[in-house]
């Protein structure tokens, strides 16, 4: 049986021989890329595209304690390594440092808009910390996913809480939902478009085909009028009626108006 295990919120596939004590959220020790890692079981998987790892054993108290000590250790290294990178004039932002369970390597996670030659940095860090150094370039979303943050909704960001993959998010999704195209409103903590724009995009896309366009002429129980606004969630339309003397706006449910369906 293959199970999906999360390593720093990154999923890998692990083959196991028995299901005993293997339940979601159980912490386990696995062998991944030649080193021991502490991960958390997400559940069974059939995703053949995930990286493969080998199951070692269910994590013990000592394993969990050692992992906590490793986290404290890498936090102390962060300002040191940032300074070393800065002293070497490297155009990169070091997000965080991590290590595997047996501390056989240090992983330096960084973001950069340009190509970085970090060969000299690896030599300096390897000599200073007496271990193998792995430089890992990550995207802004990956950084937020690993570090975690509180979103504008007041909850822990979805990427930290449960997302294992990032779906493509486009500005068109924000337009479909009639959101103000203000970066402070539609961008997440990572500076990229909010992942949650994807959640309701299918609904909005389908409803936009069924709703009249603003400015179009529709037939209502009170005659023909011009659409001034639509509310997709409540499925209501505001229609303006004008004559020589007055202008009146009335609200109708979608079921009471007739119009030519949108093709797009």
Protein backbone atom coordinates (compact mmCIF):
# COMPACT_ATOMS: atom_id res chain seq x y z
CA UNK A 1 0.00 0.00 0.00
CA UNK A 2 1.17 3.53 -0.72
CA UNK A 3 0.50 6.42 1.65
CA UNK A 4 0.98 10.15 1.23
CA UNK A 5 3.29 11.75 3.79
CA UNK A 6 3.81 15.50 4.21
CA UNK A 7 7.37 16.76 4.65
CA UNK A 8 7.19 20.49 5.46
CA UNK A 9 3.78 20.44 3.73
CA UNK A 10 5.33 18.85 0.63
CA UNK A 11 3.73 15.47 -0.22
CA UNK A 12 5.77 12.34 -0.93
CA UNK A 13 4.63 8.80 -1.57
CA UNK A 14 5.70 6.03 0.84
CA UNK A 15 5.19 2.30 0.34
CA UNK A 16 4.37 0.31 3.49
CA UNK A 17 3.79 -3.39 4.11
CA UNK A 18 1.28 -3.13 6.94
CA UNK A 19 -1.53 -0.77 7.91
CA UNK A 20 -0.97 -1.29 11.66
CA UNK A 21 -0.76 2.05 13.52
CA UNK A 22 -0.82 3.88 10.16
CA UNK A 23 -3.50 6.52 10.45
CA UNK A 24 -3.84 10.09 9.13
CA UNK A 25 -1.90 12.68 11.19
CA UNK A 26 0.45 9.97 12.54
CA UNK A 27 4.05 11.13 12.56
CA UNK A 28 6.49 8.75 10.92
CA UNK A 29 10.19 8.53 10.12
CA UNK A 30 10.96 7.94 6.44
CA UNK A 31 14.05 7.78 4.27
CA UNK A 32 13.90 10.43 1.58
CA UNK A 33 16.70 11.50 -0.78
CA UNK A 34 19.23 9.54 1.24
CA UNK A 35 18.40 10.98 4.67
CA UNK A 36 15.99 10.42 7.55
CA UNK A 37 13.02 12.78 7.74
CA UNK A 38 10.08 13.24 10.10
CA UNK A 39 6.77 13.51 8.28
CA UNK A 40 3.03 13.34 8.90
CA UNK A 41 0.70 10.87 7.23
CA UNK A 42 -2.01 12.46 5.13
CA UNK A 43 -3.68 9.25 3.92
CA UNK A 44 -3.65 6.64 1.18
CA UNK A 45 -2.57 7.81 -2.25
CA UNK A 46 -2.58 6.64 -5.85
CA UNK A 47 -0.72 9.70 -7.11
CA UNK A 48 2.18 8.21 -9.07
CA UNK A 49 3.72 11.62 -9.73
CA UNK A 50 4.81 12.18 -6.12
CA UNK A 51 8.43 11.71 -5.04
CA UNK A 52 9.06 8.29 -3.55
CA UNK A 53 10.37 7.62 -0.05
CA UNK A 54 10.90 4.54 2.14
CA UNK A 55 9.06 3.90 5.39
CA UNK A 56 11.30 3.41 8.44
CA UNK A 57 9.06 3.42 11.52
CA UNK A 58 6.34 5.27 13.38
CA UNK A 59 7.95 8.26 15.10
CA UNK A 60 8.93 7.77 18.74
CA UNK A 61 8.98 10.43 21.47
CA UNK A 62 12.74 10.70 20.96
CA UNK A 63 12.25 11.34 17.22
CA UNK A 64 9.71 14.09 17.90
CA UNK A 65 11.94 15.67 20.58
CA UNK A 66 14.93 15.57 18.24
CA UNK A 67 12.90 17.24 15.51
CA UNK A 68 11.93 20.04 17.93
CA UNK A 69 15.59 20.51 18.83
CA UNK A 70 16.48 20.66 15.14
CA UNK A 71 13.88 23.40 14.57
CA UNK A 72 15.37 25.48 17.39
CA UNK A 73 18.86 24.86 16.02
CA UNK A 74 18.03 25.99 12.48
CA UNK A 75 16.29 29.13 13.77
CA UNK A 76 19.54 30.17 15.44
CA UNK A 77 21.39 29.68 12.15
CA UNK A 78 19.06 31.87 10.07
CA UNK A 79 20.53 35.31 10.96
CA UNK A 80 24.08 33.96 10.62
CA UNK A 81 23.49 32.52 7.16
CA UNK A 82 21.62 35.62 6.01
CA UNK A 83 24.64 37.73 6.99
CA UNK A 84 27.07 35.39 5.23
CA UNK A 85 24.99 35.55 2.02
CA UNK A 86 24.82 39.34 2.27
CA UNK A 87 28.58 39.61 2.86
CA UNK A 88 29.09 37.58 -0.34
CA UNK A 89 26.93 40.06 -2.27
CA UNK A 90 24.32 37.49 -3.29
CA UNK A 91 21.00 38.79 -4.62
CA UNK A 92 18.77 36.35 -2.77
CA UNK A 93 16.29 36.28 0.10
CA UNK A 94 16.83 33.43 2.52
CA UNK A 95 13.42 32.44 3.84
CA UNK A 96 14.28 29.75 6.34
CA UNK A 97 16.75 26.98 7.17
CA UNK A 98 15.79 23.36 7.71
CA UNK A 99 17.59 20.13 8.41
CA UNK A 100 16.77 16.44 8.30
CA UNK A 101 16.27 14.28 11.37
CA UNK A 102 19.89 13.10 11.57
CA UNK A 103 21.32 16.56 10.71
CA UNK A 104 23.32 15.09 7.83
CA UNK A 105 22.54 18.19 5.76
CA UNK A 106 21.32 21.77 6.03
CA UNK A 107 18.72 22.95 3.52
CA UNK A 108 18.87 26.68 2.77
CA UNK A 109 15.54 27.72 1.26
CA UNK A 110 15.68 30.96 -0.70
CA UNK A 111 13.81 33.07 -3.22
CA UNK A 112 15.39 35.12 -5.99
CA UNK A 113 14.25 36.82 -9.17
CA UNK A 114 17.60 36.13 -10.86
CA UNK A 115 20.05 33.27 -11.21
CA UNK A 116 22.34 33.04 -8.19
CA UNK A 117 25.88 31.63 -8.18
CA UNK A 118 26.07 30.23 -4.65
CA UNK A 119 29.06 27.91 -5.09
CA UNK A 120 31.27 30.01 -2.83
CA UNK A 121 28.47 30.29 -0.27
CA UNK A 122 28.19 26.49 -0.11
CA UNK A 123 31.94 26.21 0.56
CA UNK A 124 31.78 28.77 3.35
CA UNK A 125 28.71 27.22 5.00
CA UNK A 126 30.05 23.66 4.64
CA UNK A 127 33.32 24.62 6.32
CA UNK A 128 31.54 26.51 9.12
CA UNK A 129 28.84 23.97 9.98
CA UNK A 130 30.69 20.74 9.03
CA UNK A 131 27.76 19.26 7.11
CA UNK A 132 26.38 18.96 3.61
CA UNK A 133 24.67 22.10 2.32
CA UNK A 134 21.69 22.02 -0.05
CA UNK A 135 20.48 25.23 -1.65
CA UNK A 136 16.79 25.02 -2.54
CA UNK A 137 15.13 27.77 -4.56
CA UNK A 138 11.45 28.11 -3.75
CA UNK A 139 8.65 30.37 -4.94
CA UNK A 140 6.88 33.01 -2.85
CA UNK A 141 3.91 30.70 -2.39
CA UNK A 142 6.13 27.85 -1.23
CA UNK A 143 7.76 30.17 1.30
CA UNK A 144 4.39 31.22 2.74
CA UNK A 145 3.27 27.60 2.76
CA UNK A 146 6.25 26.50 4.84
CA UNK A 147 6.37 29.50 7.18
CA UNK A 148 2.62 29.98 7.63
CA UNK A 149 0.71 33.21 8.25
CA UNK A 150 -2.73 34.60 9.06
CA UNK A 151 -4.72 35.53 5.97
CA UNK A 152 -7.00 38.53 5.54
CA UNK A 153 -9.91 36.25 6.48
CA UNK A 154 -8.44 35.92 9.98
CA UNK A 155 -7.62 32.22 9.59
CA UNK A 156 -4.35 30.38 9.04
CA UNK A 157 -3.52 30.54 5.32
CA UNK A 158 -4.89 27.63 3.28
CA UNK A 159 -1.41 26.76 1.96
CA UNK A 160 -0.15 26.17 5.51
CA UNK A 161 -3.31 24.52 6.75
CA UNK A 162 -4.04 21.90 4.12
CA UNK A 163 -3.01 22.67 0.51
CA UNK A 164 -0.42 20.26 -0.86
CA UNK A 165 -0.44 21.62 -4.42
CA UNK A 166 -0.99 25.05 -5.92
CA UNK A 167 -3.66 25.42 -8.59
CA UNK A 168 -3.19 28.04 -11.27
CA UNK A 169 -4.87 31.30 -10.26
CA UNK A 170 -5.48 34.09 -12.78
CA UNK A 171 -6.67 37.68 -12.69
CA UNK A 172 -9.66 36.53 -14.75
CA UNK A 173 -10.95 34.69 -11.68
CA UNK A 174 -11.04 37.95 -9.73
CA UNK A 175 -12.86 39.64 -12.61
CA UNK A 176 -15.40 36.80 -12.77
CA UNK A 177 -16.23 37.46 -9.13
CA UNK A 178 -16.53 41.23 -9.66
CA UNK A 179 -13.76 41.90 -7.14
CA UNK A 180 -11.90 45.18 -6.95
CA UNK A 181 -8.60 44.63 -8.75
CA UNK A 182 -6.61 46.09 -5.89
CA UNK A 183 -3.48 44.06 -5.02
CA UNK A 184 -4.10 44.58 -1.30
CA UNK A 185 -7.50 42.88 -1.70
CA UNK A 186 -6.79 40.04 -4.11
CA UNK A 187 -3.18 39.15 -3.23
CA UNK A 188 -2.22 36.84 -0.38
CA UNK A 189 0.60 37.12 2.15
CA UNK A 190 2.97 35.73 -0.49
CA UNK A 191 2.26 38.66 -2.82
CA UNK A 192 0.59 36.37 -5.36
CA UNK A 193 -3.10 36.07 -6.21
CA UNK A 194 -5.19 34.50 -3.44
CA UNK A 195 -5.49 30.72 -3.77
CA UNK A 196 -9.11 30.95 -2.61
CA UNK A 197 -10.04 32.77 -5.83
CA UNK A 198 -9.96 29.30 -7.38
CA UNK A 199 -12.51 27.78 -4.99
CA UNK A 200 -15.63 29.47 -6.39
CA UNK A 201 -14.36 30.21 -9.88
CA UNK A 202 -16.28 27.36 -11.51
CA UNK A 203 -19.55 28.54 -9.95
CA UNK A 204 -19.01 32.16 -10.98
CA UNK A 205 -17.94 31.16 -14.50
CA UNK A 206 -21.10 29.12 -15.01
CA UNK A 207 -23.37 31.73 -13.46
CA UNK A 208 -21.87 34.50 -15.58
CA UNK A 209 -23.15 32.58 -18.61
CA UNK A 210 -26.64 32.54 -17.12
CA UNK A 211 -26.78 36.16 -15.95
CA UNK A 212 -27.42 39.15 -18.22
CA UNK A 213 -24.55 41.58 -18.80
CA UNK A 214 -24.61 45.01 -17.19
CA UNK A 215 -25.94 47.48 -19.77
CA UNK A 216 -27.90 44.88 -21.72
CA UNK A 217 -31.66 45.12 -22.37
CA UNK A 218 -33.86 42.48 -20.72
CA UNK A 219 -37.54 41.67 -20.57
CA UNK A 220 -39.23 41.79 -17.17
CA UNK A 221 -42.83 41.45 -15.94
CA UNK A 222 -42.91 45.27 -16.09
CA UNK A 223 -41.53 45.58 -19.60
CA UNK A 224 -38.08 46.09 -21.07
CA UNK A 225 -35.31 47.74 -19.13
CA UNK A 226 -31.52 48.08 -18.87
CA UNK A 227 -29.47 46.00 -16.43
CA UNK A 228 -27.58 48.19 -13.95
CA UNK A 229 -26.08 45.47 -11.71
CA UNK A 230 -26.21 41.76 -10.95
CA UNK A 231 -25.79 39.74 -7.76
CA UNK A 232 -24.58 36.28 -8.71
CA UNK A 233 -24.78 34.75 -5.24
CA UNK A 234 -28.38 35.83 -4.65
CA UNK A 235 -29.25 35.51 -8.36
CA UNK A 236 -30.95 38.89 -8.55
CA UNK A 237 -30.75 41.64 -11.17
CA UNK A 238 -31.38 45.36 -10.90
CA UNK A 239 -33.10 46.83 -13.95
CA UNK A 240 -33.50 50.50 -14.84
CA UNK A 241 -36.66 51.81 -16.51
CA UNK A 242 -36.46 55.28 -18.02
CA UNK A 243 -38.92 57.56 -19.74
CA UNK A 244 -38.91 61.24 -20.54
CA UNK A 245 -39.61 62.32 -16.99
CA UNK A 246 -38.42 59.63 -14.55
CA UNK A 247 -35.93 56.86 -13.99
CA UNK A 248 -36.86 53.88 -11.81
CA UNK A 249 -34.75 50.90 -10.73
CA UNK A 250 -36.40 47.61 -9.78
CA UNK A 251 -34.96 44.32 -8.55
CA UNK A 252 -35.94 40.95 -10.03
CA UNK A 253 -34.94 37.34 -9.43
CA UNK A 254 -33.17 35.73 -12.37
CA UNK A 255 -36.16 33.46 -13.01
CA UNK A 256 -38.42 36.43 -13.82
CA UNK A 257 -36.42 38.01 -16.62
CA UNK A 258 -35.79 37.00 -20.23
CA UNK A 259 -32.66 37.76 -22.24
CA UNK A 260 -30.23 36.27 -24.71
CA UNK A 261 -27.80 33.93 -22.95
CA UNK A 262 -24.10 34.85 -22.95
CA UNK A 263 -21.99 32.63 -25.18
CA UNK A 264 -18.82 33.10 -23.13
